[in-house]
């Protein structure tokens, strides 16, 4: 099952995507120029093989709900996310706010 829902905080709107698969649960929240995701996100792949795409993304591990993803510290981020000022340890909500406020390079 796939569920998409708008999320609003600080007057900003984002889209959450929740995918239930056999033995797996994927959660992501999208800003207009990037996203945060559960531990299934392969940040190394985005930084190496897909580097030319400049994907702005962050990964939080151990999350099972959208609310947990918003409040969890990011465990890893892409180089493109770092270029916007997003840092490891920042909450998902903080990272999304930066993505919302800044355009990709």
C-alpha atoms as a PDB file:
ATOM      1  CA  UNK A   1       0.000   0.000   0.000  1.00  0.00           C
ATOM      2  CA  UNK A   2       1.158   3.527  -0.806  1.00  0.00           C
ATOM      3  CA  UNK A   3      -0.053   6.561   1.139  1.00  0.00           C
ATOM      4  CA  UNK A   4       0.733  10.154   0.194  1.00  0.00           C
ATOM      5  CA  UNK A   5      -0.193  12.990   2.524  1.00  0.00           C
ATOM      6  CA  UNK A   6       0.560  16.683   2.848  1.00  0.00           C
ATOM      7  CA  UNK A   7       2.430  17.763   5.974  1.00  0.00           C
ATOM      8  CA  UNK A   8       2.475  21.343   7.183  1.00  0.00           C
ATOM      9  CA  UNK A   9       4.725  22.976   9.757  1.00  0.00           C
ATOM     10  CA  UNK A  10       5.999  26.538  10.128  1.00  0.00           C
ATOM     11  CA  UNK A  11       3.640  27.558   7.312  1.00  0.00           C
ATOM     12  CA  UNK A  12       5.449  25.243   4.871  1.00  0.00           C
ATOM     13  CA  UNK A  13       3.885  22.296   3.030  1.00  0.00           C
ATOM     14  CA  UNK A  14       5.675  19.022   2.275  1.00  0.00           C
ATOM     15  CA  UNK A  15       4.541  15.654   0.899  1.00  0.00           C
ATOM     16  CA  UNK A  16       4.989  12.425   2.848  1.00  0.00           C
ATOM     17  CA  UNK A  17       5.088   9.060   1.122  1.00  0.00           C
ATOM     18  CA  UNK A  18       4.580   5.879   3.109  1.00  0.00           C
ATOM     19  CA  UNK A  19       5.077   2.572   1.273  1.00  0.00           C
ATOM     20  CA  UNK A  20       4.236  -0.728   2.920  1.00  0.00           C
ATOM     21  CA  UNK A  21       5.974  -3.679   1.281  1.00  0.00           C
ATOM     22  CA  UNK A  22       6.430  -7.277   2.459  1.00  0.00           C
ATOM     23  CA  UNK A  23       8.755  -7.140   5.490  1.00  0.00           C
ATOM     24  CA  UNK A  24       9.687  -3.543   4.622  1.00  0.00           C
ATOM     25  CA  UNK A  25       8.268  -0.119   5.342  1.00  0.00           C
ATOM     26  CA  UNK A  26       9.588   2.894   3.401  1.00  0.00           C
ATOM     27  CA  UNK A  27       8.987   6.472   4.543  1.00  0.00           C
ATOM     28  CA  UNK A  28      10.027   9.677   2.770  1.00  0.00           C
ATOM     29  CA  UNK A  29       9.123  13.357   3.040  1.00  0.00           C
ATOM     30  CA  UNK A  30       9.646  15.612   0.040  1.00  0.00           C
ATOM     31  CA  UNK A  31      10.410  19.299  -0.170  1.00  0.00           C
ATOM     32  CA  UNK A  32      10.367  20.999  -3.580  1.00  0.00           C
ATOM     33  CA  UNK A  33      14.094  20.366  -4.162  1.00  0.00           C
ATOM     34  CA  UNK A  34      15.012  17.415  -1.955  1.00  0.00           C
ATOM     35  CA  UNK A  35      13.845  14.831   0.554  1.00  0.00           C
ATOM     36  CA  UNK A  36      14.530  12.908   3.724  1.00  0.00           C
ATOM     37  CA  UNK A  37      13.994   9.183   3.986  1.00  0.00           C
ATOM     38  CA  UNK A  38      14.213   6.193   6.275  1.00  0.00           C
ATOM     39  CA  UNK A  39      17.276   3.933   6.477  1.00  0.00           C
ATOM     40  CA  UNK A  40      16.575   2.359   3.073  1.00  0.00           C
ATOM     41  CA  UNK A  41      18.106   5.406   1.368  1.00  0.00           C
ATOM     42  CA  UNK A  42      21.568   4.701  -0.085  1.00  0.00           C
ATOM     43  CA  UNK A  43      23.344   8.031   0.435  1.00  0.00           C
ATOM     44  CA  UNK A  44      26.646   6.606  -0.788  1.00  0.00           C
ATOM     45  CA  UNK A  45      25.040   5.724  -4.142  1.00  0.00           C
ATOM     46  CA  UNK A  46      23.650   9.261  -4.465  1.00  0.00           C
ATOM     47  CA  UNK A  47      27.074  10.760  -3.668  1.00  0.00           C
ATOM     48  CA  UNK A  48      29.014   8.512  -6.052  1.00  0.00           C
ATOM     49  CA  UNK A  49      27.226   6.956  -9.027  1.00  0.00           C
ATOM     50  CA  UNK A  50      24.501   9.635  -9.138  1.00  0.00           C
ATOM     51  CA  UNK A  51      26.712  12.567  -8.084  1.00  0.00           C
ATOM     52  CA  UNK A  52      26.049  14.502 -11.305  1.00  0.00           C
ATOM     53  CA  UNK A  53      22.380  14.782 -10.332  1.00  0.00           C
ATOM     54  CA  UNK A  54      23.177  16.823  -7.177  1.00  0.00           C
ATOM     55  CA  UNK A  55      20.402  15.099  -5.203  1.00  0.00           C
ATOM     56  CA  UNK A  56      19.555  16.850  -1.951  1.00  0.00           C
ATOM     57  CA  UNK A  57      18.682  14.134   0.560  1.00  0.00           C
ATOM     58  CA  UNK A  58      19.110  12.958   4.113  1.00  0.00           C
ATOM     59  CA  UNK A  59      18.735   9.598   5.842  1.00  0.00           C
ATOM     60  CA  UNK A  60      17.419   8.827   9.317  1.00  0.00           C
ATOM     61  CA  UNK A  61      17.610   5.282  10.676  1.00  0.00           C
ATOM     62  CA  UNK A  62      15.275   3.448  13.024  1.00  0.00           C
ATOM     63  CA  UNK A  63      12.164   5.401  12.062  1.00  0.00           C
ATOM     64  CA  UNK A  64       8.790   3.749  11.524  1.00  0.00           C
ATOM     65  CA  UNK A  65       6.437   6.713  11.151  1.00  0.00           C
ATOM     66  CA  UNK A  66       6.381  10.084   9.420  1.00  0.00           C
ATOM     67  CA  UNK A  67       6.417  11.804  12.817  1.00  0.00           C
ATOM     68  CA  UNK A  68       9.530   9.859  13.834  1.00  0.00           C
ATOM     69  CA  UNK A  69      11.220  10.808  10.549  1.00  0.00           C
ATOM     70  CA  UNK A  70      10.495  14.486  11.183  1.00  0.00           C
ATOM     71  CA  UNK A  71      12.020  14.339  14.671  1.00  0.00           C
ATOM     72  CA  UNK A  72      14.906  11.918  14.147  1.00  0.00           C
ATOM     73  CA  UNK A  73      18.473  13.113  13.690  1.00  0.00           C
ATOM     74  CA  UNK A  74      19.862  12.604  10.209  1.00  0.00           C
ATOM     75  CA  UNK A  75      22.474   9.835  10.172  1.00  0.00           C
ATOM     76  CA  UNK A  76      23.846  10.704   6.727  1.00  0.00           C
ATOM     77  CA  UNK A  77      23.321  13.342   4.050  1.00  0.00           C
ATOM     78  CA  UNK A  78      24.285  13.855   0.444  1.00  0.00           C
ATOM     79  CA  UNK A  79      27.018  16.265  -0.600  1.00  0.00           C
ATOM     80  CA  UNK A  80      24.338  18.416  -2.250  1.00  0.00           C
ATOM     81  CA  UNK A  81      22.436  18.614   1.060  1.00  0.00           C
ATOM     82  CA  UNK A  82      25.629  19.638   2.862  1.00  0.00           C
ATOM     83  CA  UNK A  83      26.144  22.438   0.324  1.00  0.00           C
ATOM     84  CA  UNK A  84      22.828  23.942   1.495  1.00  0.00           C
ATOM     85  CA  UNK A  85      23.900  23.880   5.158  1.00  0.00           C
ATOM     86  CA  UNK A  86      22.172  20.652   6.168  1.00  0.00           C
ATOM     87  CA  UNK A  87      24.277  18.685   8.656  1.00  0.00           C
ATOM     88  CA  UNK A  88      24.401  15.197  10.128  1.00  0.00           C
ATOM     89  CA  UNK A  89      22.555  15.197  13.465  1.00  0.00           C
ATOM     90  CA  UNK A  90      20.051  17.841  12.354  1.00  0.00           C
ATOM     91  CA  UNK A  91      16.442  16.710  12.702  1.00  0.00           C
ATOM     92  CA  UNK A  92      14.432  15.834   9.626  1.00  0.00           C
ATOM     93  CA  UNK A  93      12.225  18.841  10.256  1.00  0.00           C
ATOM     94  CA  UNK A  94      15.222  21.194  10.385  1.00  0.00           C
ATOM     95  CA  UNK A  95      16.611  19.749   7.153  1.00  0.00           C
ATOM     96  CA  UNK A  96      13.269  20.052   5.361  1.00  0.00           C
ATOM     97  CA  UNK A  97      12.989  23.694   6.426  1.00  0.00           C
ATOM     98  CA  UNK A  98      16.373  24.418   4.885  1.00  0.00           C
ATOM     99  CA  UNK A  99      15.391  22.593   1.697  1.00  0.00           C
ATOM    100  CA  UNK A 100      12.179  24.603   1.546  1.00  0.00           C
ATOM    101  CA  UNK A 101      13.963  27.920   2.038  1.00  0.00           C
ATOM    102  CA  UNK A 102      16.881  27.355  -0.336  1.00  0.00           C
ATOM    103  CA  UNK A 103      16.994  26.399  -3.972  1.00  0.00           C
ATOM    104  CA  UNK A 104      19.264  23.661  -5.274  1.00  0.00           C
ATOM    105  CA  UNK A 105      22.550  24.624  -6.865  1.00  0.00           C
END
